[in-house]
Amino acid sequence: MTVALMWEARAAEGRGAELLAWAREQGLTREPVRRETFRAPQDRVLVITWWEASYDAPDLPELPEPPGGLVTRPVHRWRFEAVGEG
């Protein structure tokens, strides 16, 4: 089964580039099948990692909370399972 972990944060005013750089630098304790990083208006950064694991696997590594002052709110995290094409 493929599981996608989504990590989304909103940077503090004027710190979007810094948050994006920070997110890209974050290593994980093991490599996912795939990892993509996105940005959006309002200095938001989204990282999606894909894993071959069960939906409730407790040991999937996730990005941490950014350093204090870099974001405007706690990070949002979601977990999804692939359901196939169509």
N, C-alpha and C. Protein backbone atom coordinates (compact mmCIF):
# COMPACT_ATOMS: atom_id res chain seq x y z
N MET A 1 0.85 -1.18 0.00
CA MET A 1 0.00 0.00 0.00
C MET A 1 0.89 1.24 0.00
N THR A 2 0.46 2.26 -0.72
CA THR A 2 1.19 3.52 -0.73
C THR A 2 0.48 4.52 0.18
N VAL A 3 1.27 5.15 1.04
CA VAL A 3 0.77 6.16 1.97
C VAL A 3 1.49 7.47 1.66
N ALA A 4 0.75 8.57 1.61
CA ALA A 4 1.33 9.89 1.41
C ALA A 4 1.20 10.69 2.70
N LEU A 5 2.29 11.28 3.13
CA LEU A 5 2.27 12.16 4.29
C LEU A 5 2.39 13.59 3.77
N MET A 6 1.50 14.45 4.23
CA MET A 6 1.52 15.85 3.82
C MET A 6 1.87 16.72 5.03
N TRP A 7 2.76 17.65 4.80
CA TRP A 7 3.24 18.58 5.82
C TRP A 7 3.07 19.97 5.23
N GLU A 8 2.32 20.85 5.90
CA GLU A 8 2.06 22.19 5.36
C GLU A 8 2.25 23.23 6.45
N ALA A 9 2.97 24.31 6.10
CA ALA A 9 3.22 25.38 7.07
C ALA A 9 3.10 26.73 6.37
N ARG A 10 2.78 27.74 7.15
CA ARG A 10 2.70 29.12 6.64
C ARG A 10 3.76 29.95 7.34
N ALA A 11 4.60 30.56 6.53
CA ALA A 11 5.72 31.34 7.08
C ALA A 11 5.26 32.63 7.73
N ALA A 12 6.05 33.09 8.65
CA ALA A 12 5.84 34.42 9.22
C ALA A 12 6.05 35.44 8.10
N GLU A 13 5.46 36.60 8.27
CA GLU A 13 5.52 37.67 7.27
C GLU A 13 6.94 37.86 6.72
N GLY A 14 7.06 37.77 5.39
CA GLY A 14 8.34 38.01 4.73
C GLY A 14 9.36 36.90 4.84
N ARG A 15 8.98 35.75 5.40
CA ARG A 15 9.96 34.68 5.62
C ARG A 15 9.67 33.42 4.79
N GLY A 16 8.90 33.59 3.71
CA GLY A 16 8.55 32.46 2.87
C GLY A 16 9.75 31.75 2.26
N ALA A 17 10.69 32.51 1.73
CA ALA A 17 11.88 31.91 1.12
C ALA A 17 12.70 31.15 2.16
N GLU A 18 12.76 31.69 3.35
CA GLU A 18 13.50 31.04 4.44
C GLU A 18 12.84 29.73 4.86
N LEU A 19 11.49 29.73 4.95
CA LEU A 19 10.78 28.51 5.30
C LEU A 19 10.96 27.45 4.20
N LEU A 20 10.87 27.87 2.95
CA LEU A 20 11.07 26.93 1.84
C LEU A 20 12.45 26.32 1.89
N ALA A 21 13.48 27.13 2.10
CA ALA A 21 14.85 26.61 2.20
C ALA A 21 14.99 25.66 3.39
N TRP A 22 14.40 26.02 4.52
CA TRP A 22 14.47 25.16 5.70
C TRP A 22 13.83 23.80 5.42
N ALA A 23 12.64 23.80 4.81
CA ALA A 23 11.93 22.55 4.52
C ALA A 23 12.74 21.67 3.57
N ARG A 24 13.37 22.27 2.57
CA ARG A 24 14.15 21.50 1.60
C ARG A 24 15.40 20.89 2.23
N GLU A 25 15.93 21.52 3.27
CA GLU A 25 17.14 21.03 3.93
C GLU A 25 16.86 19.88 4.91
N GLN A 26 15.62 19.70 5.30
CA GLN A 26 15.30 18.71 6.32
C GLN A 26 15.44 17.29 5.78
N GLY A 27 16.32 16.54 6.40
CA GLY A 27 16.47 15.15 6.05
C GLY A 27 15.51 14.30 6.87
N LEU A 28 15.30 13.10 6.42
CA LEU A 28 14.45 12.15 7.14
C LEU A 28 15.32 10.97 7.55
N THR A 29 14.89 10.21 8.52
CA THR A 29 15.70 9.09 9.01
C THR A 29 15.83 7.97 7.98
N ARG A 30 14.95 7.97 6.98
CA ARG A 30 15.10 7.08 5.82
C ARG A 30 14.45 7.75 4.62
N GLU A 31 14.77 7.26 3.44
CA GLU A 31 14.31 7.89 2.21
C GLU A 31 12.92 7.39 1.81
N PRO A 32 12.02 8.31 1.48
CA PRO A 32 10.70 7.91 0.98
C PRO A 32 10.82 7.43 -0.47
N VAL A 33 9.76 6.84 -0.97
CA VAL A 33 9.70 6.44 -2.38
C VAL A 33 9.78 7.69 -3.25
N ARG A 34 9.15 8.76 -2.78
CA ARG A 34 9.10 10.02 -3.52
C ARG A 34 8.91 11.16 -2.54
N ARG A 35 9.44 12.31 -2.88
CA ARG A 35 9.27 13.51 -2.05
C ARG A 35 9.16 14.72 -2.97
N GLU A 36 8.16 15.56 -2.74
CA GLU A 36 8.00 16.78 -3.51
C GLU A 36 7.73 17.95 -2.58
N THR A 37 8.22 19.11 -2.97
CA THR A 37 8.05 20.33 -2.19
C THR A 37 7.37 21.37 -3.07
N PHE A 38 6.37 22.06 -2.50
CA PHE A 38 5.58 23.05 -3.22
C PHE A 38 5.54 24.35 -2.42
N ARG A 39 5.25 25.44 -3.11
CA ARG A 39 4.98 26.71 -2.42
C ARG A 39 3.69 27.29 -2.98
N ALA A 40 3.07 28.18 -2.21
CA ALA A 40 1.81 28.79 -2.60
C ALA A 40 1.75 30.22 -2.07
N PRO A 41 0.76 31.00 -2.53
CA PRO A 41 0.61 32.34 -1.99
C PRO A 41 0.50 32.32 -0.46
N GLN A 42 0.73 33.47 0.11
CA GLN A 42 0.72 33.66 1.57
C GLN A 42 1.87 32.91 2.23
N ASP A 43 2.97 32.71 1.48
CA ASP A 43 4.19 32.08 2.00
C ASP A 43 3.94 30.71 2.62
N ARG A 44 3.10 29.91 1.95
CA ARG A 44 2.84 28.55 2.42
C ARG A 44 3.78 27.57 1.73
N VAL A 45 4.21 26.55 2.46
CA VAL A 45 5.09 25.50 1.95
C VAL A 45 4.43 24.16 2.23
N LEU A 46 4.44 23.30 1.23
CA LEU A 46 3.85 21.97 1.34
C LEU A 46 4.90 20.94 0.94
N VAL A 47 5.06 19.91 1.77
CA VAL A 47 5.96 18.79 1.46
C VAL A 47 5.12 17.53 1.50
N ILE A 48 5.19 16.73 0.43
CA ILE A 48 4.50 15.45 0.38
C ILE A 48 5.54 14.37 0.21
N THR A 49 5.47 13.35 1.06
CA THR A 49 6.34 12.18 0.93
C THR A 49 5.48 10.95 0.72
N TRP A 50 5.95 10.02 -0.12
CA TRP A 50 5.23 8.79 -0.41
C TRP A 50 6.03 7.62 0.16
N TRP A 51 5.31 6.67 0.75
CA TRP A 51 5.92 5.52 1.43
C TRP A 51 5.20 4.24 1.05
N GLU A 52 5.92 3.15 0.95
CA GLU A 52 5.31 1.83 0.84
C GLU A 52 5.15 1.32 2.27
N ALA A 53 3.95 1.46 2.80
CA ALA A 53 3.68 1.12 4.20
C ALA A 53 2.18 1.03 4.40
N SER A 54 1.77 0.50 5.53
CA SER A 54 0.35 0.49 5.86
C SER A 54 -0.06 1.88 6.34
N TYR A 55 -1.34 2.18 6.23
CA TYR A 55 -1.85 3.50 6.58
C TYR A 55 -1.49 3.89 8.01
N ASP A 56 -1.57 2.94 8.92
CA ASP A 56 -1.33 3.25 10.33
C ASP A 56 0.09 2.94 10.80
N ALA A 57 1.03 2.80 9.87
CA ALA A 57 2.42 2.54 10.25
C ALA A 57 2.92 3.66 11.18
N PRO A 58 3.35 3.31 12.39
CA PRO A 58 3.73 4.33 13.36
C PRO A 58 5.13 4.90 13.15
N ASP A 59 5.95 4.25 12.34
CA ASP A 59 7.35 4.62 12.26
C ASP A 59 7.73 5.42 11.01
N LEU A 60 6.78 6.01 10.33
CA LEU A 60 7.11 6.81 9.15
C LEU A 60 7.68 8.15 9.59
N PRO A 61 8.85 8.51 9.09
CA PRO A 61 9.46 9.78 9.51
C PRO A 61 8.74 10.98 8.89
N GLU A 62 8.59 12.01 9.67
CA GLU A 62 7.95 13.24 9.22
C GLU A 62 8.86 14.43 9.47
N LEU A 63 8.65 15.50 8.72
CA LEU A 63 9.40 16.72 8.97
C LEU A 63 8.99 17.27 10.33
N PRO A 64 9.93 17.89 11.03
CA PRO A 64 9.63 18.46 12.35
C PRO A 64 8.94 19.81 12.24
N GLU A 65 8.62 20.36 13.39
CA GLU A 65 8.13 21.74 13.46
C GLU A 65 9.31 22.66 13.12
N PRO A 66 9.09 23.71 12.36
CA PRO A 66 10.16 24.68 12.07
C PRO A 66 10.57 25.44 13.33
N PRO A 67 11.73 26.05 13.30
CA PRO A 67 12.18 26.84 14.46
C PRO A 67 11.20 27.95 14.80
N GLY A 68 11.16 28.31 16.06
CA GLY A 68 10.27 29.37 16.54
C GLY A 68 10.43 30.66 15.74
N GLY A 69 9.32 31.31 15.47
CA GLY A 69 9.35 32.57 14.76
C GLY A 69 9.33 32.45 13.24
N LEU A 70 9.57 31.24 12.71
CA LEU A 70 9.60 31.06 11.26
C LEU A 70 8.19 30.87 10.68
N VAL A 71 7.25 30.38 11.50
CA VAL A 71 5.89 30.13 11.02
C VAL A 71 4.87 30.90 11.85
N THR A 72 3.67 31.07 11.25
CA THR A 72 2.61 31.83 11.93
C THR A 72 1.69 30.95 12.76
N ARG A 73 1.77 29.64 12.56
CA ARG A 73 0.88 28.71 13.28
C ARG A 73 1.54 27.33 13.29
N PRO A 74 1.04 26.41 14.09
CA PRO A 74 1.60 25.05 14.05
C PRO A 74 1.44 24.42 12.67
N VAL A 75 2.34 23.52 12.35
CA VAL A 75 2.31 22.80 11.07
C VAL A 75 1.04 21.95 10.99
N HIS A 76 0.45 21.89 9.80
CA HIS A 76 -0.68 20.98 9.54
C HIS A 76 -0.11 19.71 8.93
N ARG A 77 -0.61 18.55 9.39
CA ARG A 77 -0.14 17.26 8.89
C ARG A 77 -1.35 16.39 8.54
N TRP A 78 -1.26 15.70 7.40
CA TRP A 78 -2.31 14.77 7.01
C TRP A 78 -1.66 13.50 6.48
N ARG A 79 -2.40 12.43 6.55
CA ARG A 79 -1.96 11.13 6.03
C ARG A 79 -3.05 10.61 5.11
N PHE A 80 -2.65 10.15 3.93
CA PHE A 80 -3.58 9.62 2.93
C PHE A 80 -3.09 8.28 2.42
N GLU A 81 -4.02 7.42 2.00
CA GLU A 81 -3.63 6.17 1.35
C GLU A 81 -4.08 6.22 -0.10
N ALA A 82 -3.27 5.65 -0.98
CA ALA A 82 -3.61 5.60 -2.40
C ALA A 82 -4.78 4.65 -2.61
N VAL A 83 -5.69 5.05 -3.51
CA VAL A 83 -6.84 4.20 -3.82
C VAL A 83 -6.87 3.79 -5.29
N GLY A 84 -5.82 4.08 -6.03
CA GLY A 84 -5.73 3.69 -7.42
C GLY A 84 -6.18 4.77 -8.36
N GLU A 85 -6.08 4.50 -9.64
CA GLU A 85 -6.44 5.46 -10.67
C GLU A 85 -7.95 5.53 -10.84
N GLY A 86 -8.42 6.69 -11.29
CA GLY A 86 -9.84 6.82 -11.64
C GLY A 86 -10.64 7.27 -10.55
